[in-house]
Structures are given as C-alpha cells and as structure tokens.
Amino acid sequence: MSTDGWKNFGRYGADLDPGNVHGKIALGRALEDVIERMILEGGIKSPPSTRRGLMARMRYLMDHRGGREALTEALADAGSTANAATIRAWAKGVRRPRPVNLEAIDTAYWTLRARNILANPSILKDHLNRGGRGTRIEIHPINQDVVEEPRRRDNLHVRSFQVRYVWDEAVDALNTGDANALEDIWDDIISELDSDWGAYTYVSHIGLGA
C-alpha cells in the first residue's frame, strides 16, 4: 500500500475489514483491556462458596466506602430478603448465606472493585508507568487481505517496544473520551518507528504488557 493509501485510509479497500481501525481507537480498547485485567486478576481468587472467599468479600464490602450500598443493591436485585442483622452475621462468619445470597455478595464485590478502580485513575497510571519503566506495547498492522493486491505492503509486521511518559495523558484522555488527545498520543507513540510510522497509523490490534 502506498503512503497515499495510509493518508486516505480505505481508498484501496483497507476499511472493508472492520477490525482495521485508527490507532487511537485501538489504544483506547487496549487501555480498557488493561483495566479489565486489573479488576479480574487483582481480585479475590478464592470462590465465594469457600469460607475464605466469602469472608474476604464481606471484609471488602464492609470496609470500603459504598460497599454496604452495593451489597444491598445486589441483594435486592436477587430478590433476597436478608436484613441488616443477617448481613452482620455473614460478616462475622456465624451464618452462611444461601446460594442466591452468595451470588449477590460476589456480584456486589466485583461491582464495587470495578467502581473503585475506575474512580481512581492514578491506579491505572501507576500500573502503566511502572515507576518510570513504562509498558511494552505490541502493535499489529492492519489486515491487508482486504486491500487491493497491488497496493499491499509485504514489509509490515508486528512491532513491539517499551513506551514511557505518555500513560498519564493517555489515561486522562480515555476517562474524558478525548479522541483528539488519544490521536496525538498515538502519533507520539508511533513516531518511535521512524520512517515506518505512517504504516501504523491504522492497525488491527494493540496489546499492552500490563
């Protein structure tokens, strides 16, 4: 694909694959993937059906702001009639919740954990900055199978390198939905590719090693 093809994305068919998107879009998706991994991988591993898993969830819900409200809401959604005294008994470990209530406790826990991480951008920033070491990015070029054959480039491949100093701004742009800022950040990132940068303005996937 010629340089002109990158500037006029889709002229030669690249837009026929919906997976081929501008880097700013793929970067936003990659950041969301990191958030999801942080929520899931950093959460309580023991299932709620075990005493350890149940007590850990109850401590989190009882000790964090909004936890009691999240639990009350989850119980109500589940049609539970558990009252405050019952919840206190669960928290002390002197009464075991019924299966429907265990599921509600688990739902409340994950809901609150996700809410707390999303409400504190500094957590994600620290995770990506890694004390100045930054995060490794893996850039997958567009799928060229849909591009007119004479315009395909045979020298595109997955690129991987360490990225520093952009993550605070990237997280802020994601949180505010600032697509223009994400585009500027993406331009800064691919500038590391020197003369090849234009070929990665549009990509099929971005992975972050965080």
N, C-alpha and C. Protein backbone atom coordinates (compact mmCIF):
# COMPACT_ATOMS: atom_id res chain seq x y z
N MET A 1 0.86 -1.19 0.00
CA MET A 1 0.00 0.00 0.00
C MET A 1 0.89 1.24 0.00
N SER A 2 0.58 2.18 -0.81
CA SER A 2 1.39 3.39 -0.91
C SER A 2 1.18 4.28 0.29
N THR A 3 2.08 5.24 0.45
CA THR A 3 1.94 6.22 1.53
C THR A 3 0.62 6.96 1.41
N ASP A 4 0.24 7.27 0.16
CA ASP A 4 -1.02 7.97 -0.07
C ASP A 4 -2.20 7.15 0.44
N GLY A 5 -2.06 5.81 0.36
CA GLY A 5 -3.14 4.95 0.85
C GLY A 5 -3.35 5.07 2.34
N TRP A 6 -2.27 5.31 3.09
CA TRP A 6 -2.42 5.46 4.53
C TRP A 6 -3.07 6.80 4.86
N LYS A 7 -2.73 7.83 4.08
CA LYS A 7 -3.33 9.13 4.34
C LYS A 7 -4.81 9.14 3.98
N ASN A 8 -5.18 8.31 3.03
CA ASN A 8 -6.58 8.22 2.59
C ASN A 8 -7.08 6.82 2.87
N PHE A 9 -7.16 6.51 4.14
CA PHE A 9 -7.48 5.15 4.56
C PHE A 9 -8.79 4.67 3.94
N GLY A 10 -8.74 3.49 3.36
CA GLY A 10 -9.94 2.90 2.76
C GLY A 10 -9.99 3.04 1.26
N ARG A 11 -9.12 3.86 0.69
CA ARG A 11 -9.17 4.06 -0.77
C ARG A 11 -8.94 2.75 -1.52
N TYR A 12 -8.10 1.89 -0.93
CA TYR A 12 -7.77 0.64 -1.61
C TYR A 12 -8.35 -0.59 -0.91
N GLY A 13 -9.35 -0.36 -0.06
CA GLY A 13 -10.10 -1.48 0.50
C GLY A 13 -9.81 -1.83 1.94
N ALA A 14 -8.87 -1.13 2.58
CA ALA A 14 -8.50 -1.48 3.96
C ALA A 14 -9.66 -1.38 4.93
N ASP A 15 -10.61 -0.51 4.62
CA ASP A 15 -11.74 -0.32 5.53
C ASP A 15 -12.79 -1.41 5.39
N LEU A 16 -12.59 -2.37 4.48
CA LEU A 16 -13.55 -3.46 4.34
C LEU A 16 -13.47 -4.43 5.51
N ASP A 17 -12.39 -4.41 6.24
CA ASP A 17 -12.27 -5.20 7.47
C ASP A 17 -12.54 -4.28 8.65
N PRO A 18 -13.65 -4.48 9.38
CA PRO A 18 -13.98 -3.58 10.49
C PRO A 18 -12.95 -3.63 11.63
N GLY A 19 -12.09 -4.65 11.60
CA GLY A 19 -11.05 -4.73 12.62
C GLY A 19 -9.89 -3.78 12.37
N ASN A 20 -9.81 -3.23 11.17
CA ASN A 20 -8.78 -2.24 10.86
C ASN A 20 -9.26 -0.87 11.32
N VAL A 21 -8.62 -0.32 12.33
CA VAL A 21 -9.08 0.94 12.92
C VAL A 21 -7.90 1.87 13.15
N HIS A 22 -8.22 3.13 13.37
CA HIS A 22 -7.17 4.09 13.70
C HIS A 22 -6.52 3.71 15.02
N GLY A 23 -5.25 3.99 15.15
CA GLY A 23 -4.53 3.63 16.37
C GLY A 23 -5.12 4.21 17.63
N LYS A 24 -5.74 5.38 17.55
CA LYS A 24 -6.32 5.98 18.76
C LYS A 24 -7.46 5.12 19.29
N ILE A 25 -8.22 4.49 18.38
CA ILE A 25 -9.31 3.62 18.79
C ILE A 25 -8.75 2.34 19.41
N ALA A 26 -7.75 1.76 18.74
CA ALA A 26 -7.14 0.54 19.26
C ALA A 26 -6.45 0.79 20.59
N LEU A 27 -5.85 1.96 20.75
CA LEU A 27 -5.19 2.29 22.02
C LEU A 27 -6.21 2.39 23.14
N GLY A 28 -7.35 3.03 22.87
CA GLY A 28 -8.40 3.10 23.88
C GLY A 28 -8.89 1.73 24.28
N ARG A 29 -9.06 0.83 23.31
CA ARG A 29 -9.50 -0.53 23.60
C ARG A 29 -8.45 -1.27 24.42
N ALA A 30 -7.17 -1.05 24.10
CA ALA A 30 -6.10 -1.72 24.83
C ALA A 30 -6.07 -1.26 26.29
N LEU A 31 -6.31 0.03 26.51
CA LEU A 31 -6.35 0.54 27.89
C LEU A 31 -7.53 -0.07 28.65
N GLU A 32 -8.66 -0.20 27.98
CA GLU A 32 -9.82 -0.83 28.62
C GLU A 32 -9.54 -2.29 28.95
N ASP A 33 -8.79 -2.97 28.09
CA ASP A 33 -8.42 -4.36 28.37
C ASP A 33 -7.54 -4.45 29.62
N VAL A 34 -6.63 -3.47 29.77
CA VAL A 34 -5.77 -3.45 30.96
C VAL A 34 -6.61 -3.26 32.22
N ILE A 35 -7.58 -2.36 32.15
CA ILE A 35 -8.45 -2.13 33.30
C ILE A 35 -9.19 -3.40 33.68
N GLU A 36 -9.72 -4.10 32.67
CA GLU A 36 -10.45 -5.35 32.93
C GLU A 36 -9.54 -6.39 33.58
N ARG A 37 -8.29 -6.48 33.09
CA ARG A 37 -7.36 -7.44 33.69
C ARG A 37 -7.02 -7.05 35.13
N MET A 38 -6.88 -5.75 35.38
CA MET A 38 -6.60 -5.29 36.74
C MET A 38 -7.74 -5.67 37.68
N ILE A 39 -8.95 -5.49 37.21
CA ILE A 39 -10.11 -5.81 38.04
C ILE A 39 -10.16 -7.30 38.35
N LEU A 40 -9.98 -8.12 37.32
CA LEU A 40 -10.14 -9.56 37.49
C LEU A 40 -8.92 -10.22 38.12
N GLU A 41 -7.74 -9.91 37.60
CA GLU A 41 -6.54 -10.60 38.06
C GLU A 41 -6.10 -10.15 39.44
N GLY A 42 -6.46 -8.93 39.81
CA GLY A 42 -6.07 -8.44 41.13
C GLY A 42 -7.11 -8.69 42.19
N GLY A 43 -8.20 -9.33 41.81
CA GLY A 43 -9.29 -9.58 42.75
C GLY A 43 -9.08 -10.82 43.58
N ILE A 44 -10.05 -11.09 44.41
CA ILE A 44 -10.01 -12.27 45.30
C ILE A 44 -10.11 -13.53 44.45
N LYS A 45 -9.16 -14.43 44.67
CA LYS A 45 -9.11 -15.65 43.86
C LYS A 45 -10.03 -16.76 44.39
N SER A 46 -10.16 -16.85 45.70
CA SER A 46 -10.98 -17.92 46.28
C SER A 46 -12.45 -17.69 45.93
N PRO A 47 -13.16 -18.72 45.50
CA PRO A 47 -14.58 -18.56 45.15
C PRO A 47 -15.42 -18.23 46.38
N PRO A 48 -16.56 -17.58 46.17
CA PRO A 48 -17.40 -17.20 47.30
C PRO A 48 -18.00 -18.39 48.04
N SER A 49 -17.96 -19.55 47.41
CA SER A 49 -18.51 -20.74 48.06
C SER A 49 -17.60 -21.26 49.17
N THR A 50 -16.34 -20.79 49.20
CA THR A 50 -15.43 -21.18 50.28
C THR A 50 -15.51 -20.16 51.40
N ARG A 51 -15.22 -20.58 52.62
CA ARG A 51 -15.25 -19.64 53.74
C ARG A 51 -14.25 -18.51 53.53
N ARG A 52 -13.06 -18.85 53.05
CA ARG A 52 -12.04 -17.84 52.82
C ARG A 52 -12.52 -16.80 51.80
N GLY A 53 -13.09 -17.29 50.69
CA GLY A 53 -13.56 -16.37 49.66
C GLY A 53 -14.71 -15.51 50.13
N LEU A 54 -15.62 -16.12 50.88
CA LEU A 54 -16.77 -15.37 51.40
C LEU A 54 -16.32 -14.29 52.36
N MET A 55 -15.46 -14.64 53.32
CA MET A 55 -15.05 -13.67 54.33
C MET A 55 -14.24 -12.54 53.71
N ALA A 56 -13.42 -12.85 52.71
CA ALA A 56 -12.65 -11.80 52.03
C ALA A 56 -13.58 -10.82 51.33
N ARG A 57 -14.61 -11.32 50.70
CA ARG A 57 -15.57 -10.44 50.02
C ARG A 57 -16.34 -9.59 51.02
N MET A 58 -16.75 -10.20 52.10
CA MET A 58 -17.50 -9.45 53.09
C MET A 58 -16.63 -8.35 53.72
N ARG A 59 -15.37 -8.65 53.99
CA ARG A 59 -14.48 -7.62 54.54
C ARG A 59 -14.34 -6.46 53.57
N TYR A 60 -14.17 -6.78 52.30
CA TYR A 60 -14.03 -5.72 51.29
C TYR A 60 -15.29 -4.86 51.25
N LEU A 61 -16.43 -5.50 51.25
CA LEU A 61 -17.69 -4.75 51.16
C LEU A 61 -17.96 -3.93 52.42
N MET A 62 -17.61 -4.48 53.57
CA MET A 62 -17.86 -3.77 54.82
C MET A 62 -16.86 -2.64 55.07
N ASP A 63 -15.64 -2.79 54.54
CA ASP A 63 -14.57 -1.84 54.85
C ASP A 63 -14.42 -0.72 53.83
N HIS A 64 -14.98 -0.87 52.65
CA HIS A 64 -14.82 0.15 51.60
C HIS A 64 -16.09 0.99 51.46
N ARG A 65 -15.86 2.24 51.20
CA ARG A 65 -16.99 3.15 51.01
C ARG A 65 -17.87 2.65 49.87
N GLY A 66 -19.16 2.65 50.10
CA GLY A 66 -20.10 2.22 49.09
C GLY A 66 -20.34 0.72 49.07
N GLY A 67 -19.60 -0.01 49.91
CA GLY A 67 -19.72 -1.46 49.90
C GLY A 67 -21.06 -1.95 50.41
N ARG A 68 -21.53 -1.38 51.48
CA ARG A 68 -22.82 -1.81 52.04
C ARG A 68 -23.95 -1.51 51.07
N GLU A 69 -23.84 -0.34 50.42
CA GLU A 69 -24.87 0.02 49.45
C GLU A 69 -24.84 -0.92 48.25
N ALA A 70 -23.63 -1.28 47.80
CA ALA A 70 -23.51 -2.20 46.67
C ALA A 70 -24.09 -3.56 47.01
N LEU A 71 -23.86 -4.00 48.24
CA LEU A 71 -24.39 -5.30 48.66
C LEU A 71 -25.91 -5.25 48.77
N THR A 72 -26.43 -4.20 49.35
CA THR A 72 -27.88 -4.04 49.48
C THR A 72 -28.56 -4.06 48.11
N GLU A 73 -27.93 -3.36 47.15
CA GLU A 73 -28.49 -3.30 45.80
C GLU A 73 -28.45 -4.67 45.12
N ALA A 74 -27.33 -5.38 45.27
CA ALA A 74 -27.20 -6.70 44.66
C ALA A 74 -28.20 -7.69 45.27
N LEU A 75 -28.40 -7.60 46.58
CA LEU A 75 -29.36 -8.49 47.24
C LEU A 75 -30.78 -8.20 46.77
N ALA A 76 -31.08 -6.92 46.64
CA ALA A 76 -32.42 -6.54 46.17
C ALA A 76 -32.66 -7.05 44.75
N ASP A 77 -31.64 -6.91 43.89
CA ASP A 77 -31.76 -7.38 42.51
C ASP A 77 -31.97 -8.90 42.47
N ALA A 78 -31.41 -9.60 43.45
CA ALA A 78 -31.53 -11.05 43.51
C ALA A 78 -32.82 -11.50 44.17
N GLY A 79 -33.62 -10.54 44.65
CA GLY A 79 -34.87 -10.88 45.32
C GLY A 79 -34.67 -11.40 46.73
N SER A 80 -33.52 -11.07 47.34
CA SER A 80 -33.22 -11.56 48.68
C SER A 80 -33.96 -10.73 49.73
N THR A 81 -34.31 -11.37 50.83
CA THR A 81 -34.97 -10.69 51.95
C THR A 81 -34.03 -10.51 53.13
N ALA A 82 -32.72 -10.72 52.92
CA ALA A 82 -31.74 -10.59 54.00
C ALA A 82 -31.78 -9.19 54.58
N ASN A 83 -31.79 -9.11 55.92
CA ASN A 83 -31.82 -7.81 56.60
C ASN A 83 -30.44 -7.48 57.16
N ALA A 84 -30.34 -6.33 57.84
CA ALA A 84 -29.06 -5.87 58.36
C ALA A 84 -28.45 -6.86 59.35
N ALA A 85 -29.27 -7.46 60.17
CA ALA A 85 -28.77 -8.42 61.16
C ALA A 85 -28.17 -9.64 60.47
N THR A 86 -28.82 -10.08 59.41
CA THR A 86 -28.31 -11.23 58.66
C THR A 86 -26.97 -10.90 58.02
N ILE A 87 -26.89 -9.71 57.46
CA ILE A 87 -25.63 -9.28 56.81
C ILE A 87 -24.51 -9.22 57.85
N ARG A 88 -24.80 -8.72 59.04
CA ARG A 88 -23.78 -8.68 60.09
C ARG A 88 -23.33 -10.09 60.47
N ALA A 89 -24.26 -11.01 60.47
CA ALA A 89 -23.92 -12.40 60.78
C ALA A 89 -23.02 -13.00 59.71
N TRP A 90 -23.29 -12.66 58.46
CA TRP A 90 -22.40 -13.13 57.39
C TRP A 90 -21.00 -12.56 57.58
N ALA A 91 -20.94 -11.26 57.88
CA ALA A 91 -19.65 -10.59 58.02
C ALA A 91 -18.84 -11.17 59.18
N LYS A 92 -19.52 -11.63 60.23
CA LYS A 92 -18.83 -12.22 61.39
C LYS A 92 -18.52 -13.71 61.17
N GLY A 93 -19.10 -14.27 60.14
CA GLY A 93 -18.86 -15.67 59.85
C GLY A 93 -19.67 -16.63 60.70
N VAL A 94 -20.73 -16.14 61.30
CA VAL A 94 -21.53 -17.01 62.17
C VAL A 94 -22.75 -17.56 61.45
N ARG A 95 -22.99 -17.09 60.22
CA ARG A 95 -24.10 -17.62 59.44
C ARG A 95 -23.66 -17.70 57.97
N ARG A 96 -24.03 -18.76 57.31
CA ARG A 96 -23.64 -18.94 55.91
C ARG A 96 -24.79 -18.52 54.99
N PRO A 97 -24.52 -17.68 54.03
CA PRO A 97 -25.56 -17.24 53.10
C PRO A 97 -26.06 -18.39 52.22
N ARG A 98 -27.31 -18.28 51.82
CA ARG A 98 -27.85 -19.23 50.85
C ARG A 98 -27.19 -18.98 49.48
N PRO A 99 -27.26 -19.94 48.56
CA PRO A 99 -26.59 -19.78 47.26
C PRO A 99 -26.96 -18.49 46.53
N VAL A 100 -28.24 -18.10 46.57
CA VAL A 100 -28.64 -16.88 45.88
C VAL A 100 -27.99 -15.66 46.51
N ASN A 101 -27.79 -15.70 47.82
CA ASN A 101 -27.14 -14.59 48.50
C ASN A 101 -25.63 -14.60 48.28
N LEU A 102 -25.05 -15.79 48.17
CA LEU A 102 -23.63 -15.88 47.84
C LEU A 102 -23.35 -15.24 46.48
N GLU A 103 -24.23 -15.50 45.55
CA GLU A 103 -24.07 -14.92 44.21
C GLU A 103 -24.20 -13.40 44.27
N ALA A 104 -25.12 -12.91 45.07
CA ALA A 104 -25.30 -11.47 45.21
C ALA A 104 -24.08 -10.83 45.87
N ILE A 105 -23.51 -11.49 46.86
CA ILE A 105 -22.30 -10.99 47.52
C ILE A 105 -21.16 -10.91 46.51
N ASP A 106 -21.02 -11.93 45.70
CA ASP A 106 -19.97 -11.95 44.68
C ASP A 106 -20.18 -10.82 43.67
N THR A 107 -21.43 -10.64 43.24
CA THR A 107 -21.74 -9.56 42.30
C THR A 107 -21.41 -8.21 42.91
N ALA A 108 -21.79 -8.01 44.15
CA ALA A 108 -21.52 -6.74 44.82
C ALA A 108 -20.03 -6.49 44.93
N TYR A 109 -19.28 -7.52 45.25
CA TYR A 109 -17.82 -7.38 45.38
C TYR A 109 -17.19 -6.91 44.07
N TRP A 110 -17.49 -7.62 42.98
CA TRP A 110 -16.87 -7.27 41.70
C TRP A 110 -17.35 -5.92 41.20
N THR A 111 -18.60 -5.59 41.45
CA THR A 111 -19.12 -4.28 41.05
C THR A 111 -18.38 -3.17 41.78
N LEU A 112 -18.19 -3.34 43.09
CA LEU A 112 -17.51 -2.31 43.88
C LEU A 112 -16.04 -2.23 43.50
N ARG A 113 -15.40 -3.36 43.30
CA ARG A 113 -13.98 -3.34 42.91
C ARG A 113 -13.80 -2.60 41.59
N ALA A 114 -14.64 -2.90 40.61
CA ALA A 114 -14.56 -2.22 39.32
C ALA A 114 -14.80 -0.73 39.49
N ARG A 115 -15.78 -0.38 40.29
CA ARG A 115 -16.12 1.03 40.51
C ARG A 115 -14.94 1.77 41.15
N ASN A 116 -14.29 1.14 42.12
CA ASN A 116 -13.19 1.78 42.82
C ASN A 116 -11.98 1.98 41.91
N ILE A 117 -11.69 1.01 41.06
CA ILE A 117 -10.57 1.15 40.13
C ILE A 117 -10.86 2.23 39.09
N LEU A 118 -12.07 2.22 38.55
CA LEU A 118 -12.43 3.21 37.55
C LEU A 118 -12.46 4.62 38.12
N ALA A 119 -12.77 4.74 39.41
CA ALA A 119 -12.86 6.05 40.05
C ALA A 119 -11.50 6.60 40.47
N ASN A 120 -10.45 5.79 40.34
CA ASN A 120 -9.12 6.21 40.77
C ASN A 120 -8.13 6.02 39.62
N PRO A 121 -8.08 6.97 38.68
CA PRO A 121 -7.20 6.84 37.52
C PRO A 121 -5.74 6.66 37.90
N SER A 122 -5.34 7.15 39.06
CA SER A 122 -3.94 7.04 39.46
C SER A 122 -3.51 5.58 39.59
N ILE A 123 -4.45 4.69 39.90
CA ILE A 123 -4.12 3.27 40.00
C ILE A 123 -3.66 2.74 38.64
N LEU A 124 -4.41 3.08 37.59
CA LEU A 124 -4.06 2.64 36.24
C LEU A 124 -2.78 3.33 35.77
N LYS A 125 -2.64 4.60 36.09
CA LYS A 125 -1.42 5.32 35.69
C LYS A 125 -0.19 4.69 36.30
N ASP A 126 -0.24 4.41 37.58
CA ASP A 126 0.90 3.77 38.25
C ASP A 126 1.20 2.40 37.65
N HIS A 127 0.13 1.68 37.31
CA HIS A 127 0.27 0.34 36.74
C HIS A 127 1.00 0.40 35.40
N LEU A 128 0.70 1.42 34.60
CA LEU A 128 1.31 1.55 33.27
C LEU A 128 2.69 2.20 33.33
N ASN A 129 2.87 3.14 34.24
CA ASN A 129 4.16 3.83 34.35
C ASN A 129 5.25 2.95 34.96
N ARG A 130 4.86 2.08 35.87
CA ARG A 130 5.80 1.15 36.50
C ARG A 130 7.06 1.85 37.00
N GLY A 131 6.85 2.93 37.74
CA GLY A 131 7.99 3.63 38.33
C GLY A 131 8.96 4.18 37.31
N GLY A 132 8.46 4.55 36.15
CA GLY A 132 9.31 5.12 35.10
C GLY A 132 9.76 4.12 34.06
N ARG A 133 9.51 2.84 34.30
CA ARG A 133 9.94 1.82 33.33
C ARG A 133 9.00 1.74 32.14
N GLY A 134 7.78 2.20 32.31
CA GLY A 134 6.83 2.18 31.22
C GLY A 134 6.23 0.82 30.96
N THR A 135 5.50 0.71 29.87
CA THR A 135 4.81 -0.53 29.49
C THR A 135 5.15 -0.89 28.06
N ARG A 136 5.32 -2.17 27.83
CA ARG A 136 5.62 -2.65 26.48
C ARG A 136 4.33 -2.67 25.65
N ILE A 137 4.45 -2.18 24.43
CA ILE A 137 3.30 -2.15 23.53
C ILE A 137 3.59 -3.06 22.34
N GLU A 138 2.56 -3.76 21.90
CA GLU A 138 2.67 -4.65 20.74
C GLU A 138 1.66 -4.17 19.71
N ILE A 139 2.15 -3.79 18.55
CA ILE A 139 1.31 -3.20 17.51
C ILE A 139 1.17 -4.18 16.35
N HIS A 140 -0.07 -4.55 16.06
CA HIS A 140 -0.34 -5.45 14.95
C HIS A 140 -0.83 -4.63 13.75
N PRO A 141 -0.18 -4.75 12.62
CA PRO A 141 -0.59 -3.95 11.45
C PRO A 141 -1.98 -4.36 10.96
N ILE A 142 -2.51 -3.57 10.07
CA ILE A 142 -3.85 -3.87 9.55
C ILE A 142 -3.84 -5.20 8.80
N ASN A 143 -5.00 -5.81 8.71
CA ASN A 143 -5.19 -6.99 7.87
C ASN A 143 -5.24 -6.51 6.42
N GLN A 144 -4.25 -6.94 5.64
CA GLN A 144 -4.18 -6.48 4.25
C GLN A 144 -4.88 -7.40 3.26
N ASP A 145 -5.49 -8.45 3.76
CA ASP A 145 -6.18 -9.37 2.85
C ASP A 145 -7.29 -8.67 2.07
N VAL A 146 -7.83 -7.59 2.65
CA VAL A 146 -8.93 -6.89 2.01
C VAL A 146 -8.44 -5.76 1.10
N VAL A 147 -7.15 -5.52 1.12
CA VAL A 147 -6.57 -4.43 0.32
C VAL A 147 -6.30 -4.92 -1.11
N GLU A 148 -6.51 -4.05 -2.07
CA GLU A 148 -6.21 -4.38 -3.46
C GLU A 148 -4.77 -4.87 -3.56
N GLU A 149 -4.58 -6.01 -4.18
CA GLU A 149 -3.28 -6.68 -4.15
C GLU A 149 -2.10 -5.80 -4.58
N PRO A 150 -2.21 -5.01 -5.60
CA PRO A 150 -1.06 -4.19 -5.99
C PRO A 150 -0.68 -3.15 -4.93
N ARG A 151 -1.62 -2.87 -4.02
CA ARG A 151 -1.38 -1.83 -3.01
C ARG A 151 -0.95 -2.40 -1.66
N ARG A 152 -0.82 -3.71 -1.58
CA ARG A 152 -0.41 -4.32 -0.32
C ARG A 152 1.09 -4.11 -0.09
N ARG A 153 1.44 -4.09 1.21
CA ARG A 153 2.85 -3.96 1.58
C ARG A 153 3.30 -5.25 2.24
N ASP A 154 4.41 -5.78 1.78
CA ASP A 154 4.88 -7.06 2.31
C ASP A 154 5.87 -6.90 3.45
N ASN A 155 6.12 -5.67 3.87
CA ASN A 155 7.11 -5.45 4.92
C ASN A 155 6.48 -5.03 6.25
N LEU A 156 5.18 -5.23 6.38
CA LEU A 156 4.52 -4.89 7.65
C LEU A 156 4.52 -6.12 8.56
N HIS A 157 4.85 -5.90 9.81
CA HIS A 157 4.86 -6.99 10.77
C HIS A 157 4.58 -6.44 12.16
N VAL A 158 4.39 -7.31 13.11
CA VAL A 158 4.12 -6.89 14.48
C VAL A 158 5.33 -6.15 15.03
N ARG A 159 5.09 -5.00 15.62
CA ARG A 159 6.16 -4.21 16.23
C ARG A 159 5.95 -4.16 17.74
N SER A 160 7.03 -4.26 18.47
CA SER A 160 6.94 -4.29 19.93
C SER A 160 8.08 -3.47 20.52
N PHE A 161 7.75 -2.55 21.45
CA PHE A 161 8.78 -1.75 22.10
C PHE A 161 8.22 -1.14 23.38
N GLN A 162 9.10 -0.65 24.21
CA GLN A 162 8.72 -0.08 25.50
C GLN A 162 8.29 1.37 25.32
N VAL A 163 7.19 1.74 25.97
CA VAL A 163 6.67 3.10 25.86
C VAL A 163 6.64 3.74 27.25
N ARG A 164 7.18 4.92 27.37
CA ARG A 164 7.22 5.65 28.63
C ARG A 164 6.64 7.05 28.45
N TYR A 165 6.28 7.64 29.54
CA TYR A 165 5.97 9.07 29.63
C TYR A 165 4.67 9.52 28.96
N VAL A 166 3.88 8.61 28.43
CA VAL A 166 2.62 9.04 27.80
C VAL A 166 1.40 8.56 28.56
N TRP A 167 1.59 7.72 29.56
CA TRP A 167 0.46 7.00 30.13
C TRP A 167 -0.46 7.87 30.97
N ASP A 168 0.08 8.85 31.66
CA ASP A 168 -0.80 9.75 32.43
C ASP A 168 -1.79 10.43 31.49
N GLU A 169 -1.27 10.97 30.40
CA GLU A 169 -2.13 11.67 29.44
C GLU A 169 -3.09 10.70 28.75
N ALA A 170 -2.63 9.48 28.49
CA ALA A 170 -3.50 8.50 27.82
C ALA A 170 -4.67 8.11 28.70
N VAL A 171 -4.41 7.89 29.98
CA VAL A 171 -5.48 7.53 30.91
C VAL A 171 -6.47 8.68 31.05
N ASP A 172 -5.97 9.91 31.15
CA ASP A 172 -6.86 11.07 31.25
C ASP A 172 -7.72 11.19 29.99
N ALA A 173 -7.12 10.97 28.83
CA ALA A 173 -7.87 11.06 27.57
C ALA A 173 -8.95 9.99 27.50
N LEU A 174 -8.61 8.79 27.96
CA LEU A 174 -9.60 7.70 27.97
C LEU A 174 -10.77 8.06 28.88
N ASN A 175 -10.47 8.57 30.06
CA ASN A 175 -11.52 8.87 31.04
C ASN A 175 -12.43 10.00 30.58
N THR A 176 -11.89 10.94 29.82
CA THR A 176 -12.70 12.07 29.37
C THR A 176 -13.27 11.86 27.97
N GLY A 177 -12.89 10.74 27.34
CA GLY A 177 -13.37 10.48 25.99
C GLY A 177 -12.80 11.44 24.97
N ASP A 178 -11.57 11.89 25.19
CA ASP A 178 -10.94 12.88 24.31
C ASP A 178 -10.22 12.15 23.17
N ALA A 179 -10.91 11.96 22.07
CA ALA A 179 -10.35 11.24 20.93
C ALA A 179 -9.19 11.99 20.30
N ASN A 180 -9.25 13.31 20.30
CA ASN A 180 -8.16 14.10 19.71
C ASN A 180 -6.87 13.92 20.50
N ALA A 181 -7.00 13.88 21.82
CA ALA A 181 -5.82 13.67 22.65
C ALA A 181 -5.24 12.28 22.43
N LEU A 182 -6.11 11.28 22.32
CA LEU A 182 -5.63 9.92 22.06
C LEU A 182 -4.93 9.84 20.71
N GLU A 183 -5.42 10.58 19.74
CA GLU A 183 -4.76 10.59 18.43
C GLU A 183 -3.37 11.20 18.52
N ASP A 184 -3.25 12.31 19.26
CA ASP A 184 -1.94 12.94 19.44
C ASP A 184 -0.97 11.99 20.15
N ILE A 185 -1.49 11.29 21.16
CA ILE A 185 -0.65 10.34 21.91
C ILE A 185 -0.22 9.20 21.00
N TRP A 186 -1.14 8.71 20.17
CA TRP A 186 -0.78 7.63 19.25
C TRP A 186 0.29 8.09 18.27
N ASP A 187 0.17 9.31 17.78
CA ASP A 187 1.21 9.85 16.89
C ASP A 187 2.56 9.89 17.59
N ASP A 188 2.56 10.25 18.88
CA ASP A 188 3.81 10.27 19.64
C ASP A 188 4.39 8.86 19.76
N ILE A 189 3.53 7.89 20.00
CA ILE A 189 3.99 6.51 20.18
C ILE A 189 4.61 5.97 18.89
N ILE A 190 3.91 6.11 17.78
CA ILE A 190 4.42 5.51 16.53
C ILE A 190 5.56 6.32 15.94
N SER A 191 5.82 7.52 16.44
CA SER A 191 6.99 8.27 15.96
C SER A 191 8.28 7.52 16.27
N GLU A 192 8.22 6.59 17.25
CA GLU A 192 9.38 5.76 17.58
C GLU A 192 9.74 4.82 16.44
N LEU A 193 8.84 4.65 15.49
CA LEU A 193 9.08 3.72 14.38
C LEU A 193 9.78 4.41 13.21
N ASP A 194 10.18 5.66 13.40
CA ASP A 194 10.92 6.41 12.38
C ASP A 194 10.13 6.48 11.07
N SER A 195 10.74 6.09 9.97
CA SER A 195 10.10 6.28 8.67
C SER A 195 8.91 5.38 8.46
N ASP A 196 8.77 4.33 9.29
CA ASP A 196 7.65 3.40 9.14
C ASP A 196 6.39 3.86 9.87
N TRP A 197 6.44 4.96 10.55
CA TRP A 197 5.35 5.32 11.45
C TRP A 197 4.00 5.41 10.73
N GLY A 198 3.99 5.93 9.50
CA GLY A 198 2.73 6.11 8.79
C GLY A 198 2.00 4.81 8.53
N ALA A 199 2.75 3.72 8.41
CA ALA A 199 2.13 2.42 8.13
C ALA A 199 1.39 1.87 9.33
N TYR A 200 1.56 2.50 10.49
CA TYR A 200 0.91 2.02 11.70
C TYR A 200 -0.06 3.07 12.27
N THR A 201 -0.43 4.01 11.42
CA THR A 201 -1.47 4.96 11.83
C THR A 201 -2.77 4.20 12.06
N TYR A 202 -3.04 3.25 11.17
CA TYR A 202 -4.17 2.33 11.32
C TYR A 202 -3.62 0.94 11.63
N VAL A 203 -4.31 0.23 12.50
CA VAL A 203 -3.81 -1.08 12.96
C VAL A 203 -4.99 -2.04 13.10
N SER A 204 -4.66 -3.31 13.36
CA SER A 204 -5.71 -4.29 13.62
C SER A 204 -5.84 -4.59 15.10
N HIS A 205 -4.76 -4.35 15.85
CA HIS A 205 -4.82 -4.66 17.30
C HIS A 205 -3.62 -4.03 17.99
N ILE A 206 -3.84 -3.65 19.25
CA ILE A 206 -2.76 -3.18 20.10
C ILE A 206 -2.84 -3.95 21.41
N GLY A 207 -1.72 -4.50 21.83
CA GLY A 207 -1.66 -5.18 23.10
C GLY A 207 -0.71 -4.45 24.04
N LEU A 208 -1.07 -4.38 25.30
CA LEU A 208 -0.22 -3.73 26.30
C LEU A 208 0.24 -4.77 27.31
N GLY A 209 1.52 -4.80 27.59
CA GLY A 209 2.07 -5.76 28.53
C GLY A 209 1.94 -5.29 29.96
N ALA A 210 0.71 -5.05 30.38
CA ALA A 210 0.46 -4.56 31.73
C ALA A 210 -0.78 -5.25 32.28
